[in-house]
């Protein structure tokens, strides 16, 4: 799975978050890899993930509740939320 450092739109970021989490849930990547990739995505695209200290509405709609929960726990563990 090839990830870019930066994305142009919130939709692209949401799509990559979905791909990373789905790959982990399908046992295609290890937990450590998922955590690293998600942290990198959020760190480099922070303004496309958060608005007023909450997830953007585009991200919430495209990722869904379960993926947002997973992302939140990972960011909480990493101290990036």
PDB file of N, CA and C in Angstrom:
ATOM      1  N   UNK A   1       0.851  -1.168   0.000  1.00  0.00           N
ATOM      2  CA  UNK A   1       0.000   0.000   0.000  1.00  0.00           C
ATOM      3  C   UNK A   1       0.895   1.230   0.000  1.00  0.00           C
ATOM      4  N   UNK A   2       0.727   2.058  -1.010  1.00  0.00           N
ATOM      5  CA  UNK A   2       1.541   3.256  -1.172  1.00  0.00           C
ATOM      6  C   UNK A   2       0.801   4.482  -0.638  1.00  0.00           C
ATOM      7  N   UNK A   3       1.404   5.146   0.331  1.00  0.00           N
ATOM      8  CA  UNK A   3       0.826   6.360   0.901  1.00  0.00           C
ATOM      9  C   UNK A   3       1.647   7.559   0.487  1.00  0.00           C
ATOM     10  N   UNK A   4       0.962   8.653   0.196  1.00  0.00           N
ATOM     11  CA  UNK A   4       1.646   9.922  -0.046  1.00  0.00           C
ATOM     12  C   UNK A   4       1.775  10.638   1.295  1.00  0.00           C
ATOM     13  N   UNK A   5       2.669  11.598   1.349  1.00  0.00           N
ATOM     14  CA  UNK A   5       2.792  12.401   2.566  1.00  0.00           C
ATOM     15  C   UNK A   5       1.657  13.403   2.680  1.00  0.00           C
ATOM     16  N   UNK A   6       1.260  13.990   1.547  1.00  0.00           N
ATOM     17  CA  UNK A   6       0.259  15.048   1.568  1.00  0.00           C
ATOM     18  C   UNK A   6      -0.848  14.757   0.569  1.00  0.00           C
ATOM     19  N   UNK A   7      -2.063  15.156   0.920  1.00  0.00           N
ATOM     20  CA  UNK A   7      -3.222  14.972   0.048  1.00  0.00           C
ATOM     21  C   UNK A   7      -3.903  16.306  -0.195  1.00  0.00           C
ATOM     22  N   UNK A   8      -4.570  16.392  -1.345  1.00  0.00           N
ATOM     23  CA  UNK A   8      -5.176  17.640  -1.782  1.00  0.00           C
ATOM     24  C   UNK A   8      -6.519  17.916  -1.114  1.00  0.00           C
ATOM     25  N   UNK A   9      -7.312  16.863  -0.896  1.00  0.00           N
ATOM     26  CA  UNK A   9      -8.666  17.060  -0.367  1.00  0.00           C
ATOM     27  C   UNK A   9      -8.922  16.207   0.868  1.00  0.00           C
ATOM     28  N   UNK A  10      -9.960  16.585   1.602  1.00  0.00           N
ATOM     29  CA  UNK A  10     -10.390  15.807   2.761  1.00  0.00           C
ATOM     30  C   UNK A  10     -10.865  14.425   2.323  1.00  0.00           C
ATOM     31  N   UNK A  11     -11.489  14.339   1.174  1.00  0.00           N
ATOM     32  CA  UNK A  11     -11.978  13.049   0.669  1.00  0.00           C
ATOM     33  C   UNK A  11     -10.836  12.078   0.417  1.00  0.00           C
ATOM     34  N   UNK A  12      -9.738  12.583  -0.125  1.00  0.00           N
ATOM     35  CA  UNK A  12      -8.589  11.721  -0.377  1.00  0.00           C
ATOM     36  C   UNK A  12      -7.992  11.207   0.931  1.00  0.00           C
ATOM     37  N   UNK A  13      -7.913  12.072   1.924  1.00  0.00           N
ATOM     38  CA  UNK A  13      -7.397  11.664   3.232  1.00  0.00           C
ATOM     39  C   UNK A  13      -8.314  10.598   3.835  1.00  0.00           C
ATOM     40  N   UNK A  14      -9.626  10.829   3.773  1.00  0.00           N
ATOM     41  CA  UNK A  14     -10.594   9.864   4.307  1.00  0.00           C
ATOM     42  C   UNK A  14     -10.471   8.521   3.597  1.00  0.00           C
ATOM     43  N   UNK A  15     -10.302   8.555   2.290  1.00  0.00           N
ATOM     44  CA  UNK A  15     -10.175   7.321   1.514  1.00  0.00           C
ATOM     45  C   UNK A  15      -8.929   6.537   1.946  1.00  0.00           C
ATOM     46  N   UNK A  16      -7.819   7.233   2.180  1.00  0.00           N
ATOM     47  CA  UNK A  16      -6.600   6.548   2.608  1.00  0.00           C
ATOM     48  C   UNK A  16      -6.730   6.009   4.032  1.00  0.00           C
ATOM     49  N   UNK A  17      -7.389   6.752   4.900  1.00  0.00           N
ATOM     50  CA  UNK A  17      -7.632   6.256   6.256  1.00  0.00           C
ATOM     51  C   UNK A  17      -8.460   4.977   6.185  1.00  0.00           C
ATOM     52  N   UNK A  18      -9.485   4.978   5.344  1.00  0.00           N
ATOM     53  CA  UNK A  18     -10.315   3.784   5.164  1.00  0.00           C
ATOM     54  C   UNK A  18      -9.484   2.608   4.665  1.00  0.00           C
ATOM     55  N   UNK A  19      -8.624   2.853   3.682  1.00  0.00           N
ATOM     56  CA  UNK A  19      -7.800   1.770   3.125  1.00  0.00           C
ATOM     57  C   UNK A  19      -6.858   1.191   4.167  1.00  0.00           C
ATOM     58  N   UNK A  20      -6.246   2.050   4.965  1.00  0.00           N
ATOM     59  CA  UNK A  20      -5.298   1.579   5.986  1.00  0.00           C
ATOM     60  C   UNK A  20      -6.026   0.752   7.045  1.00  0.00           C
ATOM     61  N   UNK A  21      -7.131   1.262   7.550  1.00  0.00           N
ATOM     62  CA  UNK A  21      -7.870   0.542   8.595  1.00  0.00           C
ATOM     63  C   UNK A  21      -8.451  -0.757   8.045  1.00  0.00           C
ATOM     64  N   UNK A  22      -8.995  -0.727   6.836  1.00  0.00           N
ATOM     65  CA  UNK A  22      -9.547  -1.943   6.235  1.00  0.00           C
ATOM     66  C   UNK A  22      -8.467  -2.993   5.987  1.00  0.00           C
ATOM     67  N   UNK A  23      -7.280  -2.550   5.566  1.00  0.00           N
ATOM     68  CA  UNK A  23      -6.174  -3.494   5.358  1.00  0.00           C
ATOM     69  C   UNK A  23      -5.797  -4.170   6.677  1.00  0.00           C
ATOM     70  N   UNK A  24      -5.799  -3.421   7.753  1.00  0.00           N
ATOM     71  CA  UNK A  24      -5.510  -4.000   9.068  1.00  0.00           C
ATOM     72  C   UNK A  24      -6.611  -4.987   9.476  1.00  0.00           C
ATOM     73  N   UNK A  25      -7.861  -4.598   9.305  1.00  0.00           N
ATOM     74  CA  UNK A  25      -8.970  -5.470   9.692  1.00  0.00           C
ATOM     75  C   UNK A  25      -9.025  -6.744   8.847  1.00  0.00           C
ATOM     76  N   UNK A  26      -8.500  -6.668   7.628  1.00  0.00           N
ATOM     77  CA  UNK A  26      -8.446  -7.848   6.745  1.00  0.00           C
ATOM     78  C   UNK A  26      -7.136  -8.613   6.900  1.00  0.00           C
ATOM     79  N   UNK A  27      -6.348  -8.281   7.918  1.00  0.00           N
ATOM     80  CA  UNK A  27      -5.065  -8.929   8.225  1.00  0.00           C
ATOM     81  C   UNK A  27      -4.052  -8.816   7.091  1.00  0.00           C
ATOM     82  N   UNK A  28      -4.083  -7.708   6.363  1.00  0.00           N
ATOM     83  CA  UNK A  28      -3.123  -7.493   5.280  1.00  0.00           C
ATOM     84  C   UNK A  28      -1.906  -6.708   5.758  1.00  0.00           C
ATOM     85  N   UNK A  29      -2.063  -5.944   6.840  1.00  0.00           N
ATOM     86  CA  UNK A  29      -0.924  -5.236   7.435  1.00  0.00           C
ATOM     87  C   UNK A  29      -0.957  -5.448   8.948  1.00  0.00           C
ATOM     88  N   UNK A  30       0.206  -5.296   9.558  1.00  0.00           N
ATOM     89  CA  UNK A  30       0.333  -5.461  11.002  1.00  0.00           C
ATOM     90  C   UNK A  30      -0.199  -4.232  11.734  1.00  0.00           C
ATOM     91  N   UNK A  31      -0.530  -4.418  13.004  1.00  0.00           N
ATOM     92  CA  UNK A  31      -1.037  -3.317  13.830  1.00  0.00           C
ATOM     93  C   UNK A  31      -0.039  -2.163  13.897  1.00  0.00           C
ATOM     94  N   UNK A  32       1.237  -2.499  14.054  1.00  0.00           N
ATOM     95  CA  UNK A  32       2.286  -1.475  14.134  1.00  0.00           C
ATOM     96  C   UNK A  32       2.313  -0.625  12.862  1.00  0.00           C
ATOM     97  N   UNK A  33       2.187  -1.275  11.702  1.00  0.00           N
ATOM     98  CA  UNK A  33       2.179  -0.554  10.426  1.00  0.00           C
ATOM     99  C   UNK A  33       0.969   0.365  10.323  1.00  0.00           C
ATOM    100  N   UNK A  34      -0.188  -0.132  10.756  1.00  0.00           N
ATOM    101  CA  UNK A  34      -1.400   0.671  10.708  1.00  0.00           C
ATOM    102  C   UNK A  34      -1.231   1.931  11.559  1.00  0.00           C
ATOM    103  N   UNK A  35      -0.714   1.771  12.760  1.00  0.00           N
ATOM    104  CA  UNK A  35      -0.533   2.902  13.667  1.00  0.00           C
ATOM    105  C   UNK A  35       0.431   3.926  13.067  1.00  0.00           C
ATOM    106  N   UNK A  36       1.538   3.457  12.507  1.00  0.00           N
ATOM    107  CA  UNK A  36       2.515   4.362  11.889  1.00  0.00           C
ATOM    108  C   UNK A  36       1.907   5.125  10.721  1.00  0.00           C
ATOM    109  N   UNK A  37       1.180   4.410   9.870  1.00  0.00           N
ATOM    110  CA  UNK A  37       0.592   5.038   8.680  1.00  0.00           C
ATOM    111  C   UNK A  37      -0.474   6.067   9.063  1.00  0.00           C
ATOM    112  N   UNK A  38      -1.320   5.724  10.015  1.00  0.00           N
ATOM    113  CA  UNK A  38      -2.366   6.661  10.424  1.00  0.00           C
ATOM    114  C   UNK A  38      -1.782   7.894  11.104  1.00  0.00           C
ATOM    115  N   UNK A  39      -0.776   7.696  11.949  1.00  0.00           N
ATOM    116  CA  UNK A  39      -0.122   8.831  12.592  1.00  0.00           C
ATOM    117  C   UNK A  39       0.514   9.751  11.559  1.00  0.00           C
ATOM    118  N   UNK A  40       1.171   9.165  10.541  1.00  0.00           N
ATOM    119  CA  UNK A  40       1.798   9.954   9.487  1.00  0.00           C
ATOM    120  C   UNK A  40       0.741  10.725   8.689  1.00  0.00           C
ATOM    121  N   UNK A  41      -0.353  10.054   8.354  1.00  0.00           N
ATOM    122  CA  UNK A  41      -1.430  10.704   7.596  1.00  0.00           C
ATOM    123  C   UNK A  41      -1.987  11.908   8.348  1.00  0.00           C
ATOM    124  N   UNK A  42      -2.280  11.731   9.617  1.00  0.00           N
ATOM    125  CA  UNK A  42      -2.872  12.813  10.409  1.00  0.00           C
ATOM    126  C   UNK A  42      -1.857  13.933  10.628  1.00  0.00           C
ATOM    127  N   UNK A  43      -0.627  13.575  10.921  1.00  0.00           N
ATOM    128  CA  UNK A  43       0.403  14.579  11.181  1.00  0.00           C
ATOM    129  C   UNK A  43       0.626  15.480   9.968  1.00  0.00           C
ATOM    130  N   UNK A  44       0.659  14.893   8.783  1.00  0.00           N
ATOM    131  CA  UNK A  44       0.955  15.654   7.571  1.00  0.00           C
ATOM    132  C   UNK A  44      -0.275  16.306   6.942  1.00  0.00           C
ATOM    133  N   UNK A  45      -1.457  15.923   7.370  1.00  0.00           N
ATOM    134  CA  UNK A  45      -2.691  16.458   6.789  1.00  0.00           C
ATOM    135  C   UNK A  45      -3.649  16.913   7.883  1.00  0.00           C
ATOM    136  N   UNK A  46      -3.114  17.450   8.941  1.00  0.00           N
ATOM    137  CA  UNK A  46      -3.891  17.799  10.130  1.00  0.00           C
ATOM    138  C   UNK A  46      -5.084  18.705   9.810  1.00  0.00           C
ATOM    139  N   UNK A  47      -4.878  19.688   8.954  1.00  0.00           N
ATOM    140  CA  UNK A  47      -5.966  20.632   8.646  1.00  0.00           C
ATOM    141  C   UNK A  47      -7.092  19.992   7.836  1.00  0.00           C
ATOM    142  N   UNK A  48      -6.817  18.858   7.211  1.00  0.00           N
ATOM    143  CA  UNK A  48      -7.858  18.149   6.453  1.00  0.00           C
ATOM    144  C   UNK A  48      -8.567  17.101   7.301  1.00  0.00           C
ATOM    145  N   UNK A  49      -8.030  16.832   8.486  1.00  0.00           N
ATOM    146  CA  UNK A  49      -8.616  15.844   9.389  1.00  0.00           C
ATOM    147  C   UNK A  49      -9.422  16.527  10.494  1.00  0.00           C
ATOM    148  N   UNK A  50      -8.907  17.632  11.010  1.00  0.00           N
ATOM    149  CA  UNK A  50      -9.551  18.316  12.138  1.00  0.00           C
ATOM    150  C   UNK A  50      -9.988  19.733  11.784  1.00  0.00           C
ATOM    151  N   UNK A  51     -11.096  20.137  12.383  1.00  0.00           N
ATOM    152  CA  UNK A  51     -11.565  21.520  12.314  1.00  0.00           C
ATOM    153  C   UNK A  51     -12.184  21.832  13.672  1.00  0.00           C
ATOM    154  N   UNK A  52     -11.700  22.872  14.309  1.00  0.00           N
ATOM    155  CA  UNK A  52     -12.157  23.237  15.652  1.00  0.00           C
ATOM    156  C   UNK A  52     -12.053  22.075  16.639  1.00  0.00           C
ATOM    157  N   UNK A  53     -10.928  21.368  16.603  1.00  0.00           N
ATOM    158  CA  UNK A  53     -10.619  20.247  17.513  1.00  0.00           C
ATOM    159  C   UNK A  53     -11.584  19.072  17.405  1.00  0.00           C
ATOM    160  N   UNK A  54     -12.247  18.947  16.268  1.00  0.00           N
ATOM    161  CA  UNK A  54     -13.123  17.796  16.003  1.00  0.00           C
ATOM    162  C   UNK A  54     -12.829  17.329  14.578  1.00  0.00           C
ATOM    163  N   UNK A  55     -13.211  16.103  14.282  1.00  0.00           N
ATOM    164  CA  UNK A  55     -13.031  15.606  12.923  1.00  0.00           C
ATOM    165  C   UNK A  55     -13.910  16.399  11.965  1.00  0.00           C
ATOM    166  N   UNK A  56     -13.420  16.598  10.756  1.00  0.00           N
ATOM    167  CA  UNK A  56     -14.225  17.322   9.770  1.00  0.00           C
ATOM    168  C   UNK A  56     -15.446  16.485   9.406  1.00  0.00           C
ATOM    169  N   UNK A  57     -16.497  17.145   8.964  1.00  0.00           N
ATOM    170  CA  UNK A  57     -17.730  16.423   8.623  1.00  0.00           C
ATOM    171  C   UNK A  57     -17.507  15.493   7.440  1.00  0.00           C
ATOM    172  N   UNK A  58     -16.660  15.875   6.498  1.00  0.00           N
ATOM    173  CA  UNK A  58     -16.358  15.011   5.350  1.00  0.00           C
ATOM    174  C   UNK A  58     -15.720  13.718   5.839  1.00  0.00           C
ATOM    175  N   UNK A  59     -14.769  13.846   6.751  1.00  0.00           N
ATOM    176  CA  UNK A  59     -14.081  12.664   7.281  1.00  0.00           C
ATOM    177  C   UNK A  59     -15.061  11.753   8.028  1.00  0.00           C
ATOM    178  N   UNK A  60     -15.921  12.351   8.846  1.00  0.00           N
ATOM    179  CA  UNK A  60     -16.909  11.566   9.593  1.00  0.00           C
ATOM    180  C   UNK A  60     -17.830  10.795   8.651  1.00  0.00           C
ATOM    181  N   UNK A  61     -18.288  11.456   7.596  1.00  0.00           N
ATOM    182  CA  UNK A  61     -19.218  10.823   6.655  1.00  0.00           C
ATOM    183  C   UNK A  61     -18.547   9.719   5.852  1.00  0.00           C
ATOM    184  N   UNK A  62     -17.332   9.969   5.391  1.00  0.00           N
ATOM    185  CA  UNK A  62     -16.659   9.002   4.519  1.00  0.00           C
ATOM    186  C   UNK A  62     -16.071   7.822   5.284  1.00  0.00           C
ATOM    187  N   UNK A  63     -15.625   8.061   6.524  1.00  0.00           N
ATOM    188  CA  UNK A  63     -14.989   6.986   7.291  1.00  0.00           C
ATOM    189  C   UNK A  63     -15.982   6.166   8.100  1.00  0.00           C
ATOM    190  N   UNK A  64     -16.995   6.802   8.633  1.00  0.00           N
ATOM    191  CA  UNK A  64     -17.958   6.080   9.443  1.00  0.00           C
ATOM    192  C   UNK A  64     -17.528   5.991  10.895  1.00  0.00           C
ATOM    193  N   UNK A  65     -18.493   5.647  11.723  1.00  0.00           N
ATOM    194  CA  UNK A  65     -18.297   5.670  13.174  1.00  0.00           C
ATOM    195  C   UNK A  65     -17.203   4.708  13.640  1.00  0.00           C
ATOM    196  N   UNK A  66     -17.184   3.498  13.145  1.00  0.00           N
ATOM    197  CA  UNK A  66     -16.219   2.498  13.622  1.00  0.00           C
ATOM    198  C   UNK A  66     -14.786   2.896  13.289  1.00  0.00           C
ATOM    199  N   UNK A  67     -14.546   3.350  12.072  1.00  0.00           N
ATOM    200  CA  UNK A  67     -13.187   3.752  11.705  1.00  0.00           C
ATOM    201  C   UNK A  67     -12.757   4.995  12.477  1.00  0.00           C
ATOM    202  N   UNK A  68     -13.682   5.913  12.710  1.00  0.00           N
ATOM    203  CA  UNK A  68     -13.365   7.111  13.503  1.00  0.00           C
ATOM    204  C   UNK A  68     -12.986   6.701  14.925  1.00  0.00           C
ATOM    205  N   UNK A  69     -13.683   5.718  15.483  1.00  0.00           N
ATOM    206  CA  UNK A  69     -13.347   5.214  16.831  1.00  0.00           C
ATOM    207  C   UNK A  69     -11.936   4.650  16.857  1.00  0.00           C
ATOM    208  N   UNK A  70     -11.591   3.858  15.851  1.00  0.00           N
ATOM    209  CA  UNK A  70     -10.252   3.259  15.775  1.00  0.00           C
ATOM    210  C   UNK A  70      -9.206   4.363  15.656  1.00  0.00           C
ATOM    211  N   UNK A  71      -9.446   5.316  14.752  1.00  0.00           N
ATOM    212  CA  UNK A  71      -8.515   6.427  14.552  1.00  0.00           C
ATOM    213  C   UNK A  71      -8.345   7.224  15.842  1.00  0.00           C
ATOM    214  N   UNK A  72      -9.431   7.490  16.534  1.00  0.00           N
ATOM    215  CA  UNK A  72      -9.375   8.256  17.786  1.00  0.00           C
ATOM    216  C   UNK A  72      -8.524   7.552  18.834  1.00  0.00           C
ATOM    217  N   UNK A  73      -8.698   6.244  18.958  1.00  0.00           N
ATOM    218  CA  UNK A  73      -7.925   5.494  19.957  1.00  0.00           C
ATOM    219  C   UNK A  73      -6.436   5.508  19.625  1.00  0.00           C
ATOM    220  N   UNK A  74      -6.121   5.385  18.346  1.00  0.00           N
ATOM    221  CA  UNK A  74      -4.715   5.398  17.928  1.00  0.00           C
ATOM    222  C   UNK A  74      -4.097   6.765  18.200  1.00  0.00           C
ATOM    223  N   UNK A  75      -4.817   7.822  17.841  1.00  0.00           N
ATOM    224  CA  UNK A  75      -4.293   9.168  18.070  1.00  0.00           C
ATOM    225  C   UNK A  75      -4.196   9.478  19.558  1.00  0.00           C
ATOM    226  N   UNK A  76      -5.130   8.971  20.328  1.00  0.00           N
ATOM    227  CA  UNK A  76      -5.105   9.151  21.777  1.00  0.00           C
ATOM    228  C   UNK A  76      -3.871   8.473  22.375  1.00  0.00           C
ATOM    229  N   UNK A  77      -3.582   7.250  21.917  1.00  0.00           N
ATOM    230  CA  UNK A  77      -2.410   6.517  22.392  1.00  0.00           C
ATOM    231  C   UNK A  77      -1.133   7.258  22.037  1.00  0.00           C
ATOM    232  N   UNK A  78      -1.127   7.881  20.873  1.00  0.00           N
ATOM    233  CA  UNK A  78       0.074   8.570  20.381  1.00  0.00           C
ATOM    234  C   UNK A  78       0.155  10.006  20.888  1.00  0.00           C
ATOM    235  N   UNK A  79      -0.897  10.468  21.549  1.00  0.00           N
ATOM    236  CA  UNK A  79      -0.915  11.829  22.069  1.00  0.00           C
ATOM    237  C   UNK A  79      -1.037  12.893  20.999  1.00  0.00           C
ATOM    238  N   UNK A  80      -1.674  12.554  19.864  1.00  0.00           N
ATOM    239  CA  UNK A  80      -1.762  13.511  18.747  1.00  0.00           C
ATOM    240  C   UNK A  80      -3.142  14.105  18.570  1.00  0.00           C
ATOM    241  N   UNK A  81      -4.098  13.684  19.346  1.00  0.00           N
ATOM    242  CA  UNK A  81      -5.452  14.216  19.174  1.00  0.00           C
ATOM    243  C   UNK A  81      -5.641  15.468  19.993  1.00  0.00           C
TER     244      UNK A  81
END
